[in-house]
Amino acid sequence: MAHFEARTSTTPGRIVVTLTGECDLAAQPELTGVLSAAVRAAPVVVVDVGGLRFLDSTGLHGLVTAHQEARASGRHLYAVNAAGPVATVLDITGIGNLLRPPADDPRLAG
């Protein structure tokens, strides 16, 4: 089974969720639970995807679902530090643009 880990850290006004390993169908329950809890707990959630080696459609779905949940409650979810194949998947699908943090807020750069 592929390794996946989601760690959270809290700073005033935001939660950073750091994802590592392979985010696929096996990781979906953990990803959904962690992101949903983060969205309920903070006005801004920053998802650091820099440690992911793989991201499939279930991972994309989890990110988009959490983004929609955040927006519905007046909150924000952003993805940062995408690289390699993960950045390619985010860019090809357009989800990278959807989850890109505002350029004028350096606190969200990662």
Protein backbone atom coordinates (compact mmCIF):
# COMPACT_ATOMS: atom_id res chain seq x y z
CA MET A 1 0.00 0.00 0.00
CA ALA A 2 1.26 3.48 -0.88
CA HIS A 3 2.26 5.77 1.94
CA PHE A 4 0.20 8.92 2.55
CA GLU A 5 0.30 11.35 5.43
CA ALA A 6 -1.64 14.51 6.23
CA ARG A 7 -0.25 16.67 9.04
CA THR A 8 -1.80 19.87 10.33
CA SER A 9 -0.32 22.87 12.07
CA THR A 10 -2.21 25.87 13.35
CA THR A 11 -1.25 29.52 13.34
CA PRO A 12 -3.54 32.44 14.15
CA GLY A 13 -6.26 32.58 11.52
CA ARG A 14 -5.14 29.61 9.45
CA ILE A 15 -4.38 25.92 9.40
CA VAL A 16 -1.65 24.45 7.21
CA VAL A 17 -2.28 20.89 6.03
CA THR A 18 0.92 19.28 4.77
CA LEU A 19 0.41 16.30 2.47
CA THR A 20 3.15 13.77 1.73
CA GLY A 21 3.38 10.54 -0.22
CA GLU A 22 0.79 9.31 -2.69
CA CYS A 23 -2.72 10.73 -2.61
CA ASP A 24 -4.95 8.15 -4.24
CA LEU A 25 -8.13 6.19 -3.52
CA ALA A 26 -6.60 4.57 -0.43
CA ALA A 27 -5.85 8.02 1.03
CA GLN A 28 -9.29 9.47 0.31
CA PRO A 29 -10.87 8.91 3.75
CA GLU A 30 -7.91 10.48 5.57
CA LEU A 31 -7.66 13.39 3.11
CA THR A 32 -11.38 14.15 3.30
CA GLY A 33 -11.46 13.98 7.09
CA VAL A 34 -8.40 16.18 7.61
CA LEU A 35 -9.46 18.82 5.08
CA SER A 36 -13.05 18.95 6.30
CA ALA A 37 -11.93 19.37 9.92
CA ALA A 38 -9.47 22.10 8.91
CA VAL A 39 -12.11 24.01 6.94
CA ARG A 40 -14.46 23.93 9.94
CA ALA A 41 -11.71 25.10 12.31
CA ALA A 42 -10.07 28.04 10.53
CA PRO A 43 -11.01 30.82 8.11
CA VAL A 44 -8.03 29.98 5.87
CA VAL A 45 -6.67 26.53 5.06
CA VAL A 46 -3.38 26.25 3.21
CA VAL A 47 -2.74 22.81 1.73
CA ASP A 48 0.97 22.24 1.13
CA VAL A 49 1.17 19.63 -1.64
CA GLY A 50 4.95 19.92 -2.07
CA GLY A 51 5.54 16.53 -0.46
CA LEU A 52 3.16 14.62 -2.72
CA ARG A 53 4.67 12.26 -5.30
CA PHE A 54 1.31 11.33 -6.82
CA LEU A 55 -2.18 12.83 -6.99
CA ASP A 56 -5.07 11.08 -8.70
CA SER A 57 -8.68 12.02 -9.40
CA THR A 58 -9.84 11.09 -5.90
CA GLY A 59 -7.25 13.43 -4.42
CA LEU A 60 -8.37 16.17 -6.80
CA HIS A 61 -11.96 15.53 -5.79
CA GLY A 62 -11.04 15.82 -2.12
CA LEU A 63 -9.32 19.18 -2.70
CA VAL A 64 -12.22 20.56 -4.75
CA THR A 65 -14.82 19.33 -2.25
CA ALA A 66 -12.95 20.98 0.62
CA HIS A 67 -12.63 24.18 -1.44
CA GLN A 68 -16.38 24.20 -2.06
CA GLU A 69 -17.08 23.52 1.61
CA ALA A 70 -14.81 26.43 2.56
CA ARG A 71 -16.46 28.83 0.09
CA ALA A 72 -19.95 27.84 1.27
CA SER A 73 -19.02 28.97 4.77
CA GLY A 74 -17.15 32.14 3.74
CA ARG A 75 -13.74 30.56 4.22
CA HIS A 76 -10.80 29.89 1.90
CA LEU A 77 -8.71 26.87 0.93
CA TYR A 78 -5.53 27.22 -1.11
CA ALA A 79 -2.96 24.73 -2.43
CA VAL A 80 0.73 25.70 -2.46
CA ASN A 81 4.14 24.28 -3.43
CA ALA A 82 2.96 21.95 -6.18
CA ALA A 83 5.84 20.48 -8.18
CA GLY A 84 6.52 17.77 -10.75
CA PRO A 85 3.67 15.43 -11.67
CA VAL A 86 1.36 16.92 -9.02
CA ALA A 87 1.77 20.42 -10.49
CA THR A 88 1.10 18.98 -13.95
CA VAL A 89 -2.14 17.34 -12.80
CA LEU A 90 -3.29 20.51 -11.06
CA ASP A 91 -2.47 22.64 -14.11
CA ILE A 92 -4.01 20.31 -16.72
CA THR A 93 -7.27 20.08 -14.78
CA GLY A 94 -7.45 23.80 -13.98
CA ILE A 95 -7.62 23.03 -10.27
CA GLY A 96 -4.25 24.71 -9.76
CA ASN A 97 -5.82 28.02 -10.78
CA LEU A 98 -8.90 27.38 -8.64
CA LEU A 99 -6.81 26.77 -5.52
CA ARG A 100 -4.04 29.32 -6.15
CA PRO A 101 -3.61 31.77 -3.26
CA PRO A 102 -3.83 35.49 -3.94
CA ALA A 103 -0.48 36.84 -5.16
CA ASP A 104 -0.73 39.86 -2.86
CA ASP A 105 -0.67 37.82 0.37
CA PRO A 106 2.87 36.51 1.02
CA ARG A 107 1.68 34.69 4.18
CA LEU A 108 -0.03 32.15 1.92
CA ALA A 109 3.02 31.31 -0.17
CA GLY A 110 3.60 28.12 1.76
